[in-house]
Amino acid sequence: MFSNDLILESFMVTFPAVIESGSEAKLCASLLNPNESLVMNIYLVHGDQSTLLLQEKAEEEFHSCFNFQVCQQEKFVFRRYNPLTFIQTDKPIYIPGQTGEL
């Protein structure tokens, strides 16, 4: 049997690995199982300049996607530190032996 105490608070932010200058890009942010009121800030930082892309105050779970405009200056390339694969299923938790759908 699973307990809600085992589910940790977490967040996820997704965006394209390469964003061309002058283009529009989509960013998605998700917050799962927050245990307190908080503010999530997402910045695009280059050198000593930073641009606030999202500020979300939350007391409960949320999922939000939005488009943002990239300046004309240069191409942005984001490095991946640990490659991950995310699989979305029809249930958040499975009991051993249960089957699910992708």
C-alpha atoms as a PDB file:
ATOM      1  CA  MET A   1       0.000   0.000   0.000  1.00  0.00           C
ATOM      2  CA  PHE A   2       1.313   3.450  -0.873  1.00  0.00           C
ATOM      3  CA  SER A   3       1.127   6.469   1.382  1.00  0.00           C
ATOM      4  CA  ASN A   4       0.804  10.075   0.253  1.00  0.00           C
ATOM      5  CA  ASP A   5       3.751  10.784   2.562  1.00  0.00           C
ATOM      6  CA  LEU A   6       5.994   8.958   0.063  1.00  0.00           C
ATOM      7  CA  ILE A   7       5.115  11.352  -2.757  1.00  0.00           C
ATOM      8  CA  LEU A   8       7.657  14.170  -2.695  1.00  0.00           C
ATOM      9  CA  GLU A   9       7.143  17.673  -3.953  1.00  0.00           C
ATOM     10  CA  SER A  10       8.736  18.173  -7.339  1.00  0.00           C
ATOM     11  CA  PHE A  11       8.763  20.405 -10.373  1.00  0.00           C
ATOM     12  CA  MET A  12       9.500  20.065 -14.055  1.00  0.00           C
ATOM     13  CA  VAL A  13      10.235  22.672 -16.716  1.00  0.00           C
ATOM     14  CA  THR A  14      10.352  21.751 -20.413  1.00  0.00           C
ATOM     15  CA  PHE A  15      11.508  23.803 -23.391  1.00  0.00           C
ATOM     16  CA  PRO A  16      13.243  23.191 -26.739  1.00  0.00           C
ATOM     17  CA  ALA A  17      16.944  22.301 -26.626  1.00  0.00           C
ATOM     18  CA  VAL A  18      17.690  24.899 -29.337  1.00  0.00           C
ATOM     19  CA  ILE A  19      15.885  28.218 -29.697  1.00  0.00           C
ATOM     20  CA  GLU A  20      16.653  30.327 -32.778  1.00  0.00           C
ATOM     21  CA  SER A  21      17.084  34.091 -32.370  1.00  0.00           C
ATOM     22  CA  GLY A  22      13.994  36.123 -33.118  1.00  0.00           C
ATOM     23  CA  SER A  23      11.708  33.111 -32.841  1.00  0.00           C
ATOM     24  CA  GLU A  24       8.933  32.184 -30.469  1.00  0.00           C
ATOM     25  CA  ALA A  25       9.406  29.216 -28.126  1.00  0.00           C
ATOM     26  CA  LYS A  26       7.130  27.336 -25.756  1.00  0.00           C
ATOM     27  CA  LEU A  27       7.984  26.714 -22.113  1.00  0.00           C
ATOM     28  CA  CYS A  28       5.942  24.449 -19.832  1.00  0.00           C
ATOM     29  CA  ALA A  29       6.230  24.297 -16.039  1.00  0.00           C
ATOM     30  CA  SER A  30       4.645  21.827 -13.646  1.00  0.00           C
ATOM     31  CA  LEU A  31       4.599  21.747  -9.857  1.00  0.00           C
ATOM     32  CA  LEU A  32       3.580  18.530  -8.117  1.00  0.00           C
ATOM     33  CA  ASN A  33       2.663  17.955  -4.471  1.00  0.00           C
ATOM     34  CA  PRO A  34       3.780  21.268  -2.932  1.00  0.00           C
ATOM     35  CA  ASN A  35       3.818  21.091   0.859  1.00  0.00           C
ATOM     36  CA  GLU A  36       3.743  24.864   1.360  1.00  0.00           C
ATOM     37  CA  SER A  37       2.903  28.089  -0.440  1.00  0.00           C
ATOM     38  CA  LEU A  38       5.713  29.068  -2.811  1.00  0.00           C
ATOM     39  CA  VAL A  39       6.742  31.165  -5.798  1.00  0.00           C
ATOM     40  CA  MET A  40       8.355  29.573  -8.864  1.00  0.00           C
ATOM     41  CA  ASN A  41      10.524  31.970 -10.895  1.00  0.00           C
ATOM     42  CA  ILE A  42      11.954  30.921 -14.264  1.00  0.00           C
ATOM     43  CA  TYR A  43      14.642  33.132 -15.790  1.00  0.00           C
ATOM     44  CA  LEU A  44      16.523  33.096 -19.067  1.00  0.00           C
ATOM     45  CA  VAL A  45      20.069  34.104 -18.060  1.00  0.00           C
ATOM     46  CA  HIS A  46      22.873  35.112 -20.421  1.00  0.00           C
ATOM     47  CA  GLY A  47      26.027  36.583 -18.909  1.00  0.00           C
ATOM     48  CA  ASP A  48      24.980  39.318 -16.512  1.00  0.00           C
ATOM     49  CA  GLN A  49      21.543  39.768 -18.118  1.00  0.00           C
ATOM     50  CA  SER A  50      18.436  37.909 -17.013  1.00  0.00           C
ATOM     51  CA  THR A  51      14.855  37.911 -18.254  1.00  0.00           C
ATOM     52  CA  LEU A  52      12.000  36.691 -16.071  1.00  0.00           C
ATOM     53  CA  LEU A  53       9.952  34.248 -18.175  1.00  0.00           C
ATOM     54  CA  LEU A  54       7.518  33.012 -15.527  1.00  0.00           C
ATOM     55  CA  GLN A  55       6.570  33.874 -11.978  1.00  0.00           C
ATOM     56  CA  GLU A  56       3.919  31.561 -10.572  1.00  0.00           C
ATOM     57  CA  LYS A  57       2.608  31.737  -7.006  1.00  0.00           C
ATOM     58  CA  ALA A  58       1.207  28.393  -5.955  1.00  0.00           C
ATOM     59  CA  GLU A  59      -0.316  26.613  -3.006  1.00  0.00           C
ATOM     60  CA  GLU A  60      -1.417  23.600  -5.050  1.00  0.00           C
ATOM     61  CA  GLU A  61      -0.353  21.648  -8.116  1.00  0.00           C
ATOM     62  CA  PHE A  62      -0.272  23.426 -11.460  1.00  0.00           C
ATOM     63  CA  HIS A  63       0.738  22.884 -15.054  1.00  0.00           C
ATOM     64  CA  SER A  64       1.194  25.904 -17.291  1.00  0.00           C
ATOM     65  CA  CYS A  65       2.547  26.392 -20.823  1.00  0.00           C
ATOM     66  CA  PHE A  66       3.207  29.685 -22.553  1.00  0.00           C
ATOM     67  CA  ASN A  67       5.049  31.084 -25.549  1.00  0.00           C
ATOM     68  CA  PHE A  68       7.821  33.629 -25.216  1.00  0.00           C
ATOM     69  CA  GLN A  69       9.724  35.703 -27.763  1.00  0.00           C
ATOM     70  CA  VAL A  70      13.489  35.288 -28.044  1.00  0.00           C
ATOM     71  CA  CYS A  71      15.568  38.367 -28.832  1.00  0.00           C
ATOM     72  CA  GLN A  72      17.321  38.819 -32.185  1.00  0.00           C
ATOM     73  CA  GLN A  73      20.852  38.694 -30.758  1.00  0.00           C
ATOM     74  CA  GLU A  74      21.884  35.059 -30.947  1.00  0.00           C
ATOM     75  CA  LYS A  75      20.937  31.383 -30.865  1.00  0.00           C
ATOM     76  CA  PHE A  76      20.350  29.798 -27.469  1.00  0.00           C
ATOM     77  CA  VAL A  77      21.510  26.235 -26.921  1.00  0.00           C
ATOM     78  CA  PHE A  78      20.757  24.493 -23.636  1.00  0.00           C
ATOM     79  CA  ARG A  79      22.992  21.727 -22.342  1.00  0.00           C
ATOM     80  CA  ARG A  80      21.486  18.538 -21.012  1.00  0.00           C
ATOM     81  CA  TYR A  81      23.170  17.304 -17.835  1.00  0.00           C
ATOM     82  CA  ASN A  82      21.430  13.963 -17.318  1.00  0.00           C
ATOM     83  CA  PRO A  83      19.271  12.628 -20.137  1.00  0.00           C
ATOM     84  CA  LEU A  84      15.845  11.556 -18.884  1.00  0.00           C
ATOM     85  CA  THR A  85      12.894   9.878 -20.500  1.00  0.00           C
ATOM     86  CA  PHE A  86       9.424  10.819 -19.278  1.00  0.00           C
ATOM     87  CA  ILE A  87       6.515   8.468 -19.842  1.00  0.00           C
ATOM     88  CA  GLN A  88       3.009   9.743 -19.183  1.00  0.00           C
ATOM     89  CA  THR A  89       0.588   7.047 -18.041  1.00  0.00           C
ATOM     90  CA  ASP A  90      -3.099   6.971 -17.178  1.00  0.00           C
ATOM     91  CA  LYS A  91      -2.490   6.789 -13.374  1.00  0.00           C
ATOM     92  CA  PRO A  92       0.043   8.500 -11.110  1.00  0.00           C
ATOM     93  CA  ILE A  93       0.755   5.326  -9.064  1.00  0.00           C
ATOM     94  CA  TYR A  94       0.440   1.638  -9.922  1.00  0.00           C
ATOM     95  CA  ILE A  95       0.128  -1.283  -7.517  1.00  0.00           C
ATOM     96  CA  PRO A  96       2.410  -4.201  -8.481  1.00  0.00           C
ATOM     97  CA  GLY A  97       0.683  -6.348 -11.103  1.00  0.00           C
ATOM     98  CA  GLN A  98      -1.587  -3.600 -12.439  1.00  0.00           C
ATOM     99  CA  THR A  99      -1.396  -2.776 -16.126  1.00  0.00           C
ATOM    100  CA  GLY A 100      -1.716   0.653 -17.635  1.00  0.00           C
ATOM    101  CA  GLU A 101      -1.951   2.579 -20.857  1.00  0.00           C
ATOM    102  CA  LEU A 102       0.623   4.960 -22.285  1.00  0.00           C
END
